Amino acid sequence: MENFKYLDIDALKHNLSCYSSKNICLMVKANAYGHGIEEIVKFSSRYVDAFGVVNIKEALFVRALTKKRVIIFAPVKNYKLCRENNIEFIIENEDELRKAIVDKCTHLLHLAINTGMNRFGTKSEIVLKSINNILEANNIELKSIYTHFSDTADKNKTKKQYKNFCTLRKFIKQNAPICFGGSGIYGYNFNYDMLRLGIGAYGYLPNKLKVMTISSHIIKKFYAKKGEYIGYGKKYQVQKSGFFGVVQIGYGDGLARTLSQKFSVSINGKKYKSVGNICMDAFFVKIDEGVNVGDEVIVLRDASYLAKKAKTITYEILTNFSNLRGMVKKITSNKK
């Protein structure tokens, strides 16, 4: 029996349509947040303007799938490869700009400004002035001026970052398009042209629909008596004799071991608790007589639920399932 990664394409379309007033750069890094980069690019190409990644390997993979713009939102070493494959990328200092001039790829550049997240981009007025001088001297037009917002749920912090951006952006005299990163920025009345859309596209912001469902099956049903132990170690001892099931998905597939005994699954529309330590390839669930071998087990429908149980973030839960040993099936809304 196989594990399944269901992608609700209607949900993806709905989520993308919520941002249609802006140009959309859909982030598909980390295997499209664990959803499956090939499928997401294929199904969303007609609805977005560009795809975002974080390294040349991801960029080349996406380029083979689509003619849409591909942007690397991280430092790049091989400018020549970007030029040969029409892949855009960010720069943040004069040296990178000069290298782009030498490697003849100035038509692919996005200038990253650091407004408070301190990941990529420059926050130096001196550097920006120098970059502007080089741009003007070489008649270079940027693809965009870009910044990323670190916590769009914090209105004061976000507005401060926007103010920083407006101040720093003035040092670049050309009227380049503005690209903002952070799905939640869409709710602000800020002036920009392109949205670097991430988690919101996959359903993890208000009024969005979850795109991915992970399911497996009961591969074994057994009866255990009170006092017996189930799984590795002595994590779980049977308190009342009854039926248990083995589900063929484990931490090797992306189901974090820290979730052991902390989550429930859905079988035939009913909730059942997981028990024992999660194994590399399987986990255990307390079931009843009505559950049988072959019954489908919904392991993930909402990553927020598992994230809360694991005391982590939805991003980590989703991307972990890049390791799922199974297959992807296209479905439509409300199927799962």
C-alpha atoms as a PDB file:
ATOM      1  CA  MET A   1       0.000   0.000   0.000  1.00  0.00           C
ATOM      2  CA  GLU A   2       1.176   3.484  -0.826  1.00  0.00           C
ATOM      3  CA  ASN A   3       1.174   6.845   0.877  1.00  0.00           C
ATOM      4  CA  PHE A   4      -0.576   9.643  -0.953  1.00  0.00           C
ATOM      5  CA  LYS A   5       0.025  13.368  -1.260  1.00  0.00           C
ATOM      6  CA  TYR A   6      -3.194  14.914  -2.529  1.00  0.00           C
ATOM      7  CA  LEU A   7      -3.004  18.366  -4.082  1.00  0.00           C
ATOM      8  CA  ASP A   8      -6.235  20.324  -4.197  1.00  0.00           C
ATOM      9  CA  ILE A   9      -5.737  22.333  -7.364  1.00  0.00           C
ATOM     10  CA  ASP A  10      -8.998  24.228  -6.970  1.00  0.00           C
ATOM     11  CA  ALA A  11      -7.796  25.380  -3.549  1.00  0.00           C
ATOM     12  CA  LEU A  12      -4.526  26.554  -5.095  1.00  0.00           C
ATOM     13  CA  LYS A  13      -6.430  28.478  -7.787  1.00  0.00           C
ATOM     14  CA  HIS A  14      -8.649  30.064  -5.140  1.00  0.00           C
ATOM     15  CA  ASN A  15      -5.689  31.127  -3.025  1.00  0.00           C
ATOM     16  CA  LEU A  16      -3.839  32.637  -5.973  1.00  0.00           C
ATOM     17  CA  SER A  17      -6.949  34.515  -7.067  1.00  0.00           C
ATOM     18  CA  CYS A  18      -7.003  36.283  -3.686  1.00  0.00           C
ATOM     19  CA  TYR A  19      -3.790  38.087  -4.676  1.00  0.00           C
ATOM     20  CA  SER A  20      -4.667  38.804  -8.304  1.00  0.00           C
ATOM     21  CA  SER A  21      -4.447  42.602  -7.992  1.00  0.00           C
ATOM     22  CA  LYS A  22      -0.656  42.259  -7.831  1.00  0.00           C
ATOM     23  CA  ASN A  23       1.876  40.497 -10.011  1.00  0.00           C
ATOM     24  CA  ILE A  24       2.604  37.195  -8.281  1.00  0.00           C
ATOM     25  CA  CYS A  25       5.943  35.502  -7.821  1.00  0.00           C
ATOM     26  CA  LEU A  26       4.977  32.127  -6.384  1.00  0.00           C
ATOM     27  CA  MET A  27       7.621  30.688  -4.082  1.00  0.00           C
ATOM     28  CA  VAL A  28       8.338  27.041  -4.877  1.00  0.00           C
ATOM     29  CA  LYS A  29      11.535  26.648  -2.876  1.00  0.00           C
ATOM     30  CA  ALA A  30      11.989  23.560  -0.692  1.00  0.00           C
ATOM     31  CA  ASN A  31       9.958  21.411  -3.088  1.00  0.00           C
ATOM     32  CA  ALA A  32       7.143  24.000  -3.114  1.00  0.00           C
ATOM     33  CA  TYR A  33       6.958  23.994   0.682  1.00  0.00           C
ATOM     34  CA  GLY A  34       6.768  20.195   0.613  1.00  0.00           C
ATOM     35  CA  HIS A  35       3.838  20.078  -1.810  1.00  0.00           C
ATOM     36  CA  GLY A  36       5.800  18.961  -4.875  1.00  0.00           C
ATOM     37  CA  ILE A  37       7.581  21.514  -7.052  1.00  0.00           C
ATOM     38  CA  GLU A  38       6.843  19.846 -10.397  1.00  0.00           C
ATOM     39  CA  GLU A  39       3.119  19.598  -9.786  1.00  0.00           C
ATOM     40  CA  ILE A  40       2.749  23.075  -8.288  1.00  0.00           C
ATOM     41  CA  VAL A  41       4.642  24.740 -11.150  1.00  0.00           C
ATOM     42  CA  LYS A  42       2.628  22.814 -13.711  1.00  0.00           C
ATOM     43  CA  PHE A  43      -0.756  23.600 -12.182  1.00  0.00           C
ATOM     44  CA  SER A  44      -0.105  27.255 -11.296  1.00  0.00           C
ATOM     45  CA  SER A  45       1.831  28.539 -14.325  1.00  0.00           C
ATOM     46  CA  ARG A  46      -1.163  30.171 -15.969  1.00  0.00           C
ATOM     47  CA  TYR A  47      -2.067  32.055 -12.779  1.00  0.00           C
ATOM     48  CA  VAL A  48       1.289  33.569 -11.776  1.00  0.00           C
ATOM     49  CA  ASP A  49       3.888  35.874 -13.307  1.00  0.00           C
ATOM     50  CA  ALA A  50       7.039  34.276 -11.911  1.00  0.00           C
ATOM     51  CA  PHE A  51       8.386  31.532  -9.679  1.00  0.00           C
ATOM     52  CA  GLY A  52      10.750  32.084  -6.762  1.00  0.00           C
ATOM     53  CA  VAL A  53      13.498  29.756  -5.542  1.00  0.00           C
ATOM     54  CA  VAL A  54      16.670  30.043  -3.428  1.00  0.00           C
ATOM     55  CA  ASN A  55      19.410  28.317  -5.413  1.00  0.00           C
ATOM     56  CA  ILE A  56      20.514  27.581  -8.956  1.00  0.00           C
ATOM     57  CA  LYS A  57      19.566  23.898  -8.738  1.00  0.00           C
ATOM     58  CA  GLU A  58      15.945  24.739  -7.963  1.00  0.00           C
ATOM     59  CA  ALA A  59      15.984  27.461 -10.606  1.00  0.00           C
ATOM     60  CA  LEU A  60      17.176  25.131 -13.358  1.00  0.00           C
ATOM     61  CA  PHE A  61      14.570  22.554 -12.389  1.00  0.00           C
ATOM     62  CA  VAL A  62      11.790  25.150 -12.624  1.00  0.00           C
ATOM     63  CA  ARG A  63      13.192  26.551 -15.869  1.00  0.00           C
ATOM     64  CA  ALA A  64      12.838  23.093 -17.439  1.00  0.00           C
ATOM     65  CA  LEU A  65       9.143  23.124 -16.504  1.00  0.00           C
ATOM     66  CA  THR A  66       8.067  26.614 -17.562  1.00  0.00           C
ATOM     67  CA  LYS A  67       8.889  29.663 -19.678  1.00  0.00           C
ATOM     68  CA  LYS A  68       7.681  31.954 -16.906  1.00  0.00           C
ATOM     69  CA  ARG A  69      10.171  34.155 -15.079  1.00  0.00           C
ATOM     70  CA  VAL A  70      12.318  32.406 -12.463  1.00  0.00           C
ATOM     71  CA  ILE A  71      13.899  34.444  -9.647  1.00  0.00           C
ATOM     72  CA  ILE A  72      16.536  33.322  -7.150  1.00  0.00           C
ATOM     73  CA  PHE A  73      15.975  35.161  -3.849  1.00  0.00           C
ATOM     74  CA  ALA A  74      19.393  34.378  -2.392  1.00  0.00           C
ATOM     75  CA  PRO A  75      23.058  35.033  -3.208  1.00  0.00           C
ATOM     76  CA  VAL A  76      24.201  33.508  -6.504  1.00  0.00           C
ATOM     77  CA  LYS A  77      27.695  32.447  -7.550  1.00  0.00           C
ATOM     78  CA  ASN A  78      27.282  31.250 -11.143  1.00  0.00           C
ATOM     79  CA  TYR A  79      26.058  34.322 -13.041  1.00  0.00           C
ATOM     80  CA  LYS A  80      26.894  32.754 -16.399  1.00  0.00           C
ATOM     81  CA  LEU A  81      24.509  29.863 -15.776  1.00  0.00           C
ATOM     82  CA  CYS A  82      21.779  32.351 -14.879  1.00  0.00           C
ATOM     83  CA  ARG A  83      22.376  34.250 -18.122  1.00  0.00           C
ATOM     84  CA  GLU A  84      22.305  31.105 -20.234  1.00  0.00           C
ATOM     85  CA  ASN A  85      18.982  30.026 -18.717  1.00  0.00           C
ATOM     86  CA  ASN A  86      17.348  33.455 -18.316  1.00  0.00           C
ATOM     87  CA  ILE A  87      17.202  33.166 -14.547  1.00  0.00           C
ATOM     88  CA  GLU A  88      16.873  36.368 -12.511  1.00  0.00           C
ATOM     89  CA  PHE A  89      18.586  36.867  -9.157  1.00  0.00           C
ATOM     90  CA  ILE A  90      19.199  39.340  -6.341  1.00  0.00           C
ATOM     91  CA  ILE A  91      22.287  41.438  -5.693  1.00  0.00           C
ATOM     92  CA  GLU A  92      23.105  43.448  -2.583  1.00  0.00           C
ATOM     93  CA  ASN A  93      26.455  45.184  -3.120  1.00  0.00           C
ATOM     94  CA  GLU A  94      28.731  46.853  -5.667  1.00  0.00           C
ATOM     95  CA  ASP A  95      30.938  43.795  -6.179  1.00  0.00           C
ATOM     96  CA  GLU A  96      27.974  41.667  -7.226  1.00  0.00           C
ATOM     97  CA  LEU A  97      26.777  44.408  -9.564  1.00  0.00           C
ATOM     98  CA  ARG A  98      30.211  44.727 -11.170  1.00  0.00           C
ATOM     99  CA  LYS A  99      30.399  40.947 -11.590  1.00  0.00           C
ATOM    100  CA  ALA A 100      26.998  41.037 -13.317  1.00  0.00           C
ATOM    101  CA  ILE A 101      28.343  43.649 -15.723  1.00  0.00           C
ATOM    102  CA  VAL A 102      31.395  41.532 -16.518  1.00  0.00           C
ATOM    103  CA  ASP A 103      29.267  38.394 -16.976  1.00  0.00           C
ATOM    104  CA  LYS A 104      26.757  40.278 -19.162  1.00  0.00           C
ATOM    105  CA  CYS A 105      23.640  39.561 -17.109  1.00  0.00           C
ATOM    106  CA  THR A 106      22.609  43.026 -15.971  1.00  0.00           C
ATOM    107  CA  HIS A 107      19.152  42.417 -17.465  1.00  0.00           C
ATOM    108  CA  LEU A 108      18.439  39.846 -14.740  1.00  0.00           C
ATOM    109  CA  LEU A 109      19.047  41.845 -11.572  1.00  0.00           C
ATOM    110  CA  HIS A 110      16.883  42.541  -8.522  1.00  0.00           C
ATOM    111  CA  LEU A 111      18.325  44.811  -5.850  1.00  0.00           C
ATOM    112  CA  ALA A 112      17.718  43.494  -2.331  1.00  0.00           C
ATOM    113  CA  ILE A 113      17.328  46.020   0.476  1.00  0.00           C
ATOM    114  CA  ASN A 114      17.558  44.969   4.127  1.00  0.00           C
ATOM    115  CA  THR A 115      14.811  46.755   6.047  1.00  0.00           C
ATOM    116  CA  GLY A 116      15.083  44.840   9.307  1.00  0.00           C
ATOM    117  CA  MET A 117      15.089  41.090   8.745  1.00  0.00           C
ATOM    118  CA  ASN A 118      18.887  41.021   8.325  1.00  0.00           C
ATOM    119  CA  ARG A 119      18.921  38.006   6.022  1.00  0.00           C
ATOM    120  CA  PHE A 120      19.699  39.338   2.542  1.00  0.00           C
ATOM    121  CA  GLY A 121      20.077  42.851   1.161  1.00  0.00           C
ATOM    122  CA  THR A 122      21.937  45.992   2.086  1.00  0.00           C
ATOM    123  CA  LYS A 123      20.914  48.629   4.595  1.00  0.00           C
ATOM    124  CA  SER A 124      23.860  50.917   3.871  1.00  0.00           C
ATOM    125  CA  GLU A 125      23.087  54.309   2.354  1.00  0.00           C
ATOM    126  CA  ILE A 126      26.686  54.495   1.133  1.00  0.00           C
ATOM    127  CA  VAL A 127      26.373  51.167  -0.681  1.00  0.00           C
ATOM    128  CA  LEU A 128      23.072  52.179  -2.243  1.00  0.00           C
ATOM    129  CA  LYS A 129      24.508  55.465  -3.485  1.00  0.00           C
ATOM    130  CA  SER A 130      27.438  53.597  -5.016  1.00  0.00           C
ATOM    131  CA  ILE A 131      25.121  51.054  -6.642  1.00  0.00           C
ATOM    132  CA  ASN A 132      23.004  53.862  -8.056  1.00  0.00           C
ATOM    133  CA  ASN A 133      26.091  55.491  -9.596  1.00  0.00           C
ATOM    134  CA  ILE A 134      27.097  52.222 -11.268  1.00  0.00           C
ATOM    135  CA  LEU A 135      23.544  51.638 -12.532  1.00  0.00           C
ATOM    136  CA  GLU A 136      23.372  55.113 -14.054  1.00  0.00           C
ATOM    137  CA  ALA A 137      26.864  54.947 -15.570  1.00  0.00           C
ATOM    138  CA  ASN A 138      26.021  51.666 -17.306  1.00  0.00           C
ATOM    139  CA  ASN A 139      22.358  52.376 -18.164  1.00  0.00           C
ATOM    140  CA  ILE A 140      21.203  49.336 -16.180  1.00  0.00           C
ATOM    141  CA  GLU A 141      17.508  48.924 -15.406  1.00  0.00           C
ATOM    142  CA  LEU A 142      16.688  46.744 -12.427  1.00  0.00           C
ATOM    143  CA  LYS A 143      13.992  44.064 -12.630  1.00  0.00           C
ATOM    144  CA  SER A 144      12.894  45.199  -9.178  1.00  0.00           C
ATOM    145  CA  ILE A 145      13.912  46.674  -5.863  1.00  0.00           C
ATOM    146  CA  TYR A 146      13.090  44.052  -3.272  1.00  0.00           C
ATOM    147  CA  THR A 147      12.720  43.600   0.467  1.00  0.00           C
ATOM    148  CA  HIS A 148      11.316  40.903   2.717  1.00  0.00           C
ATOM    149  CA  PHE A 149       9.081  41.514   5.729  1.00  0.00           C
ATOM    150  CA  SER A 150       9.887  39.386   8.753  1.00  0.00           C
ATOM    151  CA  ASP A 151       6.609  39.410  10.704  1.00  0.00           C
ATOM    152  CA  THR A 152       3.547  40.752   8.908  1.00  0.00           C
ATOM    153  CA  ALA A 153       1.370  39.835  11.898  1.00  0.00           C
ATOM    154  CA  ASP A 154       3.139  42.608  13.823  1.00  0.00           C
ATOM    155  CA  LYS A 155       1.683  45.802  12.334  1.00  0.00           C
ATOM    156  CA  ASN A 156       4.062  48.200  14.045  1.00  0.00           C
ATOM    157  CA  LYS A 157       7.143  46.246  13.003  1.00  0.00           C
ATOM    158  CA  THR A 158       5.852  45.864   9.442  1.00  0.00           C
ATOM    159  CA  LYS A 159       5.079  49.560   9.097  1.00  0.00           C
ATOM    160  CA  LYS A 160       8.541  50.369  10.427  1.00  0.00           C
ATOM    161  CA  GLN A 161      10.097  48.103   7.816  1.00  0.00           C
ATOM    162  CA  TYR A 162       8.040  49.773   5.099  1.00  0.00           C
ATOM    163  CA  LYS A 163       9.186  53.196   6.287  1.00  0.00           C
ATOM    164  CA  ASN A 164      12.789  51.961   6.201  1.00  0.00           C
ATOM    165  CA  PHE A 165      12.257  50.685   2.682  1.00  0.00           C
ATOM    166  CA  CYS A 166      10.839  53.995   1.458  1.00  0.00           C
ATOM    167  CA  THR A 167      13.817  55.833   2.944  1.00  0.00           C
ATOM    168  CA  LEU A 168      16.458  53.520   1.474  1.00  0.00           C
ATOM    169  CA  ARG A 169      14.724  53.073  -1.859  1.00  0.00           C
ATOM    170  CA  LYS A 170      15.140  56.818  -2.588  1.00  0.00           C
ATOM    171  CA  PHE A 171      18.861  56.346  -3.067  1.00  0.00           C
ATOM    172  CA  ILE A 172      18.111  54.404  -6.258  1.00  0.00           C
ATOM    173  CA  LYS A 173      16.948  57.075  -8.686  1.00  0.00           C
ATOM    174  CA  GLN A 174      15.404  54.896 -11.378  1.00  0.00           C
ATOM    175  CA  ASN A 175      11.704  54.062 -11.292  1.00  0.00           C
ATOM    176  CA  ALA A 176      12.138  50.300 -10.873  1.00  0.00           C
ATOM    177  CA  PRO A 177       9.238  47.976  -9.954  1.00  0.00           C
ATOM    178  CA  ILE A 178       8.882  47.180  -6.253  1.00  0.00           C
ATOM    179  CA  CYS A 179       8.778  43.577  -5.031  1.00  0.00           C
ATOM    180  CA  PHE A 180       7.745  42.744  -1.471  1.00  0.00           C
ATOM    181  CA  GLY A 181       8.196  39.382   0.236  1.00  0.00           C
ATOM    182  CA  GLY A 182       5.766  37.985   2.805  1.00  0.00           C
ATOM    183  CA  SER A 183       2.265  36.758   1.971  1.00  0.00           C
ATOM    184  CA  GLY A 184       0.732  38.744   4.815  1.00  0.00           C
ATOM    185  CA  ILE A 185       1.932  42.044   3.307  1.00  0.00           C
ATOM    186  CA  TYR A 186      -1.033  41.876   0.930  1.00  0.00           C
ATOM    187  CA  GLY A 187      -3.274  43.130   3.716  1.00  0.00           C
ATOM    188  CA  TYR A 188      -1.373  46.413   4.014  1.00  0.00           C
ATOM    189  CA  ASN A 189      -2.004  49.522   1.954  1.00  0.00           C
ATOM    190  CA  PHE A 190       1.581  49.688   0.704  1.00  0.00           C
ATOM    191  CA  ASN A 191       2.737  50.728  -2.730  1.00  0.00           C
ATOM    192  CA  TYR A 192       4.399  47.853  -4.606  1.00  0.00           C
ATOM    193  CA  ASP A 193       4.143  45.922  -7.880  1.00  0.00           C
ATOM    194  CA  MET A 194       5.008  42.284  -7.255  1.00  0.00           C
ATOM    195  CA  LEU A 195       4.230  40.028  -4.298  1.00  0.00           C
ATOM    196  CA  ARG A 196       6.671  37.270  -3.404  1.00  0.00           C
ATOM    197  CA  LEU A 197       3.921  34.861  -2.368  1.00  0.00           C
ATOM    198  CA  GLY A 198       4.703  31.948  -0.101  1.00  0.00           C
ATOM    199  CA  ILE A 199       2.640  30.285   2.619  1.00  0.00           C
ATOM    200  CA  GLY A 200      -0.549  32.122   1.669  1.00  0.00           C
ATOM    201  CA  ALA A 201      -0.674  30.308  -1.659  1.00  0.00           C
ATOM    202  CA  TYR A 202      -0.677  26.974   0.123  1.00  0.00           C
ATOM    203  CA  GLY A 203      -3.561  27.856   2.428  1.00  0.00           C
ATOM    204  CA  TYR A 204      -2.004  29.036   5.670  1.00  0.00           C
ATOM    205  CA  LEU A 205      -3.427  32.516   6.041  1.00  0.00           C
ATOM    206  CA  PRO A 206      -7.002  33.549   6.934  1.00  0.00           C
ATOM    207  CA  ASN A 207      -9.686  32.753   4.355  1.00  0.00           C
ATOM    208  CA  LYS A 208      -7.350  30.515   2.352  1.00  0.00           C
ATOM    209  CA  LEU A 209      -7.878  26.859   1.500  1.00  0.00           C
ATOM    210  CA  LYS A 210      -5.408  24.115   2.404  1.00  0.00           C
ATOM    211  CA  VAL A 211      -3.814  22.680  -0.737  1.00  0.00           C
ATOM    212  CA  MET A 212      -2.178  19.489   0.539  1.00  0.00           C
ATOM    213  CA  THR A 213      -3.528  16.414   2.293  1.00  0.00           C
ATOM    214  CA  ILE A 214      -1.306  13.505   3.346  1.00  0.00           C
ATOM    215  CA  SER A 215      -2.802  10.053   3.725  1.00  0.00           C
ATOM    216  CA  SER A 216      -1.687   6.498   4.284  1.00  0.00           C
ATOM    217  CA  HIS A 217      -3.401   3.190   5.098  1.00  0.00           C
ATOM    218  CA  ILE A 218      -3.777   0.678   7.862  1.00  0.00           C
ATOM    219  CA  ILE A 219      -1.326  -2.054   6.869  1.00  0.00           C
ATOM    220  CA  LYS A 220      -1.820  -4.222   9.944  1.00  0.00           C
ATOM    221  CA  LYS A 221      -4.520  -4.648  12.568  1.00  0.00           C
ATOM    222  CA  PHE A 222      -3.726  -6.446  15.809  1.00  0.00           C
ATOM    223  CA  TYR A 223      -5.072  -7.102  19.296  1.00  0.00           C
ATOM    224  CA  ALA A 224      -2.974  -6.227  22.342  1.00  0.00           C
ATOM    225  CA  LYS A 225      -3.691  -7.070  25.964  1.00  0.00           C
ATOM    226  CA  LYS A 226      -3.501  -4.747  28.936  1.00  0.00           C
ATOM    227  CA  GLY A 227       0.103  -4.414  30.121  1.00  0.00           C
ATOM    228  CA  GLU A 228       1.738  -5.028  26.725  1.00  0.00           C
ATOM    229  CA  TYR A 229       4.071  -2.416  25.222  1.00  0.00           C
ATOM    230  CA  ILE A 230       3.706  -1.093  21.691  1.00  0.00           C
ATOM    231  CA  GLY A 231       6.575   0.316  19.629  1.00  0.00           C
ATOM    232  CA  TYR A 232      10.175   1.120  20.487  1.00  0.00           C
ATOM    233  CA  GLY A 233      11.097   1.491  24.137  1.00  0.00           C
ATOM    234  CA  LYS A 234       8.407   1.739  26.781  1.00  0.00           C
ATOM    235  CA  LYS A 235       6.718   4.857  25.491  1.00  0.00           C
ATOM    236  CA  TYR A 236       3.272   3.289  25.457  1.00  0.00           C
ATOM    237  CA  GLN A 237       1.826   0.541  27.626  1.00  0.00           C
ATOM    238  CA  VAL A 238      -1.650  -0.738  26.846  1.00  0.00           C
ATOM    239  CA  GLN A 239      -4.053   0.355  29.577  1.00  0.00           C
ATOM    240  CA  LYS A 240      -7.076  -1.510  28.205  1.00  0.00           C
ATOM    241  CA  SER A 241      -7.020  -4.517  25.912  1.00  0.00           C
ATOM    242  CA  GLY A 242      -8.144  -3.699  22.398  1.00  0.00           C
ATOM    243  CA  PHE A 243      -7.303  -3.244  18.734  1.00  0.00           C
ATOM    244  CA  PHE A 244      -4.410  -1.278  17.295  1.00  0.00           C
ATOM    245  CA  GLY A 245      -3.327  -0.441  13.784  1.00  0.00           C
ATOM    246  CA  VAL A 246      -0.008   0.106  12.040  1.00  0.00           C
ATOM    247  CA  VAL A 247       0.123   3.010   9.571  1.00  0.00           C
ATOM    248  CA  GLN A 248       2.852   2.956   6.930  1.00  0.00           C
ATOM    249  CA  ILE A 249       4.265   6.444   7.362  1.00  0.00           C
ATOM    250  CA  GLY A 250       7.018   7.539   9.742  1.00  0.00           C
ATOM    251  CA  TYR A 251       9.710  10.075  10.431  1.00  0.00           C
ATOM    252  CA  GLY A 252      11.523   8.889   7.298  1.00  0.00           C
ATOM    253  CA  ASP A 253       8.557  10.274   5.377  1.00  0.00           C
ATOM    254  CA  GLY A 254       8.440  13.578   7.239  1.00  0.00           C
ATOM    255  CA  LEU A 255       6.255  12.783  10.239  1.00  0.00           C
ATOM    256  CA  ALA A 256       8.371  14.226  13.048  1.00  0.00           C
ATOM    257  CA  ARG A 257       9.201  11.821  15.885  1.00  0.00           C
ATOM    258  CA  THR A 258       8.487  14.638  18.355  1.00  0.00           C
ATOM    259  CA  LEU A 259       4.810  14.116  17.475  1.00  0.00           C
ATOM    260  CA  SER A 260       4.794  10.669  19.091  1.00  0.00           C
ATOM    261  CA  GLN A 261       1.524  10.173  21.016  1.00  0.00           C
ATOM    262  CA  LYS A 262       0.578  13.820  20.544  1.00  0.00           C
ATOM    263  CA  PHE A 263      -1.687  13.729  17.502  1.00  0.00           C
ATOM    264  CA  SER A 264      -4.822  12.099  16.129  1.00  0.00           C
ATOM    265  CA  VAL A 265      -5.675  10.903  12.630  1.00  0.00           C
ATOM    266  CA  SER A 266      -8.924  10.487  10.743  1.00  0.00           C
ATOM    267  CA  ILE A 267     -10.122   7.049   9.619  1.00  0.00           C
ATOM    268  CA  ASN A 268     -13.513   6.656   7.991  1.00  0.00           C
ATOM    269  CA  GLY A 269     -14.483  10.106   9.235  1.00  0.00           C
ATOM    270  CA  LYS A 270     -13.630   9.335  12.873  1.00  0.00           C
ATOM    271  CA  LYS A 271     -10.672  10.497  14.987  1.00  0.00           C
ATOM    272  CA  TYR A 272      -8.203   8.015  16.460  1.00  0.00           C
ATOM    273  CA  LYS A 273      -5.185   8.730  18.688  1.00  0.00           C
ATOM    274  CA  SER A 274      -1.640   7.777  17.788  1.00  0.00           C
ATOM    275  CA  VAL A 275       0.249   5.748  20.386  1.00  0.00           C
ATOM    276  CA  GLY A 276       3.863   4.768  20.977  1.00  0.00           C
ATOM    277  CA  ASN A 277       6.986   6.213  19.415  1.00  0.00           C
ATOM    278  CA  ILE A 278       6.828   7.045  15.720  1.00  0.00           C
ATOM    279  CA  CYS A 279       9.099   4.675  13.791  1.00  0.00           C
ATOM    280  CA  MET A 280      11.126   5.496  10.689  1.00  0.00           C
ATOM    281  CA  ASP A 281       8.539   3.859   8.431  1.00  0.00           C
ATOM    282  CA  ALA A 282       5.388   3.556  10.517  1.00  0.00           C
ATOM    283  CA  PHE A 283       3.375   4.641  13.539  1.00  0.00           C
ATOM    284  CA  PHE A 284       0.692   3.063  15.707  1.00  0.00           C
ATOM    285  CA  VAL A 285      -2.876   4.123  16.294  1.00  0.00           C
ATOM    286  CA  LYS A 286      -5.505   2.950  18.808  1.00  0.00           C
ATOM    287  CA  ILE A 287      -8.476   1.771  16.756  1.00  0.00           C
ATOM    288  CA  ASP A 288     -11.727  -0.161  17.178  1.00  0.00           C
ATOM    289  CA  GLU A 289     -13.226  -3.220  15.553  1.00  0.00           C
ATOM    290  CA  GLY A 290     -14.691  -1.126  12.740  1.00  0.00           C
ATOM    291  CA  VAL A 291     -11.281  -0.217  11.324  1.00  0.00           C
ATOM    292  CA  ASN A 292      -9.700  -2.719   8.944  1.00  0.00           C
ATOM    293  CA  VAL A 293      -6.531  -3.284   6.961  1.00  0.00           C
ATOM    294  CA  GLY A 294      -6.597  -1.115   3.842  1.00  0.00           C
ATOM    295  CA  ASP A 295      -8.638   1.705   5.374  1.00  0.00           C
ATOM    296  CA  GLU A 296      -7.319   5.142   4.465  1.00  0.00           C
ATOM    297  CA  VAL A 297      -5.742   7.210   7.239  1.00  0.00           C
ATOM    298  CA  ILE A 298      -5.690  11.007   6.901  1.00  0.00           C
ATOM    299  CA  VAL A 299      -2.427  12.012   8.564  1.00  0.00           C
ATOM    300  CA  LEU A 300      -2.325  15.672   7.555  1.00  0.00           C
ATOM    301  CA  ARG A 301      -5.144  17.937   6.509  1.00  0.00           C
ATOM    302  CA  ASP A 302      -4.053  21.066   8.377  1.00  0.00           C
ATOM    303  CA  ALA A 303      -0.342  21.495   9.137  1.00  0.00           C
ATOM    304  CA  SER A 304      -1.192  24.077  11.787  1.00  0.00           C
ATOM    305  CA  TYR A 305      -2.643  21.285  13.935  1.00  0.00           C
ATOM    306  CA  LEU A 306       0.538  19.193  13.767  1.00  0.00           C
ATOM    307  CA  ALA A 307       2.716  22.290  14.211  1.00  0.00           C
ATOM    308  CA  LYS A 308       0.939  23.148  17.438  1.00  0.00           C
ATOM    309  CA  LYS A 309       1.347  19.598  18.721  1.00  0.00           C
ATOM    310  CA  ALA A 310       5.053  19.577  17.794  1.00  0.00           C
ATOM    311  CA  LYS A 311       5.610  23.130  19.092  1.00  0.00           C
ATOM    312  CA  THR A 312       6.982  24.299  15.773  1.00  0.00           C
ATOM    313  CA  ILE A 313       5.759  26.215  12.691  1.00  0.00           C
ATOM    314  CA  THR A 314       3.617  25.104   9.763  1.00  0.00           C
ATOM    315  CA  TYR A 315       6.504  25.673   7.343  1.00  0.00           C
ATOM    316  CA  GLU A 316       8.564  22.951   9.028  1.00  0.00           C
ATOM    317  CA  ILE A 317       5.691  20.458   9.085  1.00  0.00           C
ATOM    318  CA  LEU A 318       4.959  21.034   5.390  1.00  0.00           C
ATOM    319  CA  THR A 319       8.532  20.938   4.115  1.00  0.00           C
ATOM    320  CA  ASN A 320       9.277  17.778   6.098  1.00  0.00           C
ATOM    321  CA  PHE A 321       6.818  15.939   3.871  1.00  0.00           C
ATOM    322  CA  SER A 322       9.094  16.475   0.892  1.00  0.00           C
ATOM    323  CA  ASN A 323      10.466  13.099   2.006  1.00  0.00           C
ATOM    324  CA  LEU A 324       7.111  11.327   1.660  1.00  0.00           C
ATOM    325  CA  ARG A 325       7.533   7.958   0.013  1.00  0.00           C
ATOM    326  CA  GLY A 326       4.361   7.911  -2.025  1.00  0.00           C
ATOM    327  CA  MET A 327       2.827   9.662  -4.972  1.00  0.00           C
ATOM    328  CA  VAL A 328       0.961  12.828  -5.877  1.00  0.00           C
ATOM    329  CA  LYS A 329      -2.654  12.786  -7.027  1.00  0.00           C
ATOM    330  CA  LYS A 330      -4.474  15.762  -8.503  1.00  0.00           C
ATOM    331  CA  ILE A 331      -7.885  16.326  -6.975  1.00  0.00           C
ATOM    332  CA  THR A 332     -10.508  19.079  -6.858  1.00  0.00           C
ATOM    333  CA  SER A 333     -12.018  20.999  -3.970  1.00  0.00           C
ATOM    334  CA  ASN A 334     -13.796  19.218  -1.134  1.00  0.00           C
ATOM    335  CA  LYS A 335     -12.683  15.811  -2.371  1.00  0.00           C
ATOM    336  CA  LYS A 336     -10.665  15.242   0.781  1.00  0.00           C
END
